Amino acid sequence: MFVATLGGIFKFKDLPEEYGPYVQFKATIENREVQDDDEIAILDITGTDSHHVLFLDSYQNIDQITEELKEADAKVNITTLKILEGHL
């Protein structure tokens, strides 16, 4: 199992260019049109060059995020969980 740590929380309009393809991929999967003010969390997957994207307005609680990551064979570290909870 991989560990996901917070790479950052950004508004889409302020998103670093390197994360753009990951956000567009996740938006396509969710059939979502990304807006400039969407708040997006980028999780870095330890031991890989991959990132997991969370559109924070898609979740009502932290359990939904941990379940999604479990399906991706990842778990979130405690510090990241606390920060994400503050943004939900």
Protein backbone atom coordinates (compact mmCIF):
# COMPACT_ATOMS: atom_id res chain seq x y z
CA MET A 1 0.00 0.00 0.00
CA PHE A 2 1.23 3.48 -0.89
CA VAL A 3 1.14 6.56 1.33
CA ALA A 4 -0.45 9.77 0.04
CA THR A 5 0.87 13.06 1.39
CA LEU A 6 -0.46 16.51 0.65
CA GLY A 7 1.35 18.21 -2.20
CA GLY A 8 -0.86 21.29 -1.94
CA ILE A 9 -4.34 22.73 -2.06
CA PHE A 10 -4.95 25.14 -4.92
CA LYS A 11 -7.66 27.03 -6.70
CA PHE A 12 -7.73 25.74 -10.28
CA LYS A 13 -6.64 29.13 -11.61
CA ASP A 14 -3.53 28.98 -9.36
CA LEU A 15 -2.67 25.34 -10.03
CA PRO A 16 0.99 24.73 -10.95
CA GLU A 17 1.27 23.66 -14.56
CA GLU A 18 2.84 20.30 -13.68
CA TYR A 19 -0.44 19.14 -12.10
CA GLY A 20 -2.64 20.14 -15.05
CA PRO A 21 -2.71 16.74 -16.78
CA TYR A 22 -3.64 14.96 -13.54
CA VAL A 23 -6.49 17.40 -12.89
CA GLN A 24 -7.79 17.12 -16.45
CA PHE A 25 -7.67 13.31 -16.24
CA LYS A 26 -9.64 13.27 -12.97
CA ALA A 27 -12.13 15.80 -14.38
CA THR A 28 -12.69 13.54 -17.39
CA ILE A 29 -13.29 10.53 -15.16
CA GLU A 30 -15.82 12.49 -13.08
CA ASN A 31 -17.37 14.06 -16.18
CA ARG A 32 -16.72 17.45 -14.62
CA GLU A 33 -15.98 20.85 -16.08
CA VAL A 34 -13.34 22.49 -13.92
CA GLN A 35 -14.00 26.07 -12.82
CA ASP A 36 -11.31 28.63 -11.91
CA ASP A 37 -12.45 28.77 -8.27
CA ASP A 38 -12.61 24.99 -7.73
CA GLU A 39 -10.50 24.00 -4.72
CA ILE A 40 -8.26 21.07 -5.60
CA ALA A 41 -6.05 19.00 -3.32
CA ILE A 42 -3.05 17.31 -4.89
CA LEU A 43 -1.79 14.23 -3.06
CA ASP A 44 1.69 12.94 -3.82
CA ILE A 45 1.88 9.15 -3.85
CA THR A 46 5.08 8.19 -2.03
CA GLY A 47 7.43 5.96 -3.99
CA THR A 48 5.93 6.95 -7.36
CA ASP A 49 5.87 9.93 -9.68
CA SER A 50 2.08 9.91 -9.51
CA HIS A 51 -0.39 12.31 -7.94
CA HIS A 52 -3.98 11.83 -6.81
CA VAL A 53 -6.40 14.69 -7.42
CA LEU A 54 -9.29 15.56 -5.12
CA PHE A 55 -11.95 18.10 -6.09
CA LEU A 56 -12.74 19.06 -2.51
CA ASP A 57 -16.35 20.07 -3.18
CA SER A 58 -17.04 16.45 -4.20
CA TYR A 59 -16.70 15.14 -0.64
CA GLN A 60 -18.88 15.54 2.43
CA ASN A 61 -16.43 13.92 4.85
CA ILE A 62 -12.92 12.54 5.19
CA ASP A 63 -14.18 8.95 5.10
CA GLN A 64 -15.13 9.37 1.44
CA ILE A 65 -11.57 10.44 0.65
CA THR A 66 -9.97 7.57 2.57
CA GLU A 67 -12.30 5.10 0.80
CA GLU A 68 -11.37 6.50 -2.63
CA LEU A 69 -7.69 6.20 -1.81
CA LYS A 70 -8.12 2.67 -0.49
CA GLU A 71 -9.44 1.73 -3.93
CA ALA A 72 -6.22 3.20 -5.36
CA ASP A 73 -4.15 1.11 -2.90
CA ALA A 74 -3.11 4.19 -0.92
CA LYS A 75 -3.68 5.62 2.51
CA VAL A 76 -3.41 9.19 3.71
CA ASN A 77 -0.99 10.20 6.45
CA ILE A 78 -2.43 11.78 9.61
CA THR A 79 -1.16 15.32 8.95
CA THR A 80 -2.72 15.32 5.49
CA LEU A 81 -6.01 14.01 6.91
CA LYS A 82 -6.19 16.85 9.44
CA ILE A 83 -5.51 19.49 6.77
CA LEU A 84 -8.09 18.01 4.39
CA GLU A 85 -10.68 17.87 7.17
CA GLY A 86 -10.23 21.60 7.64
CA HIS A 87 -11.06 22.21 3.98
CA LEU A 88 -14.20 20.07 3.76
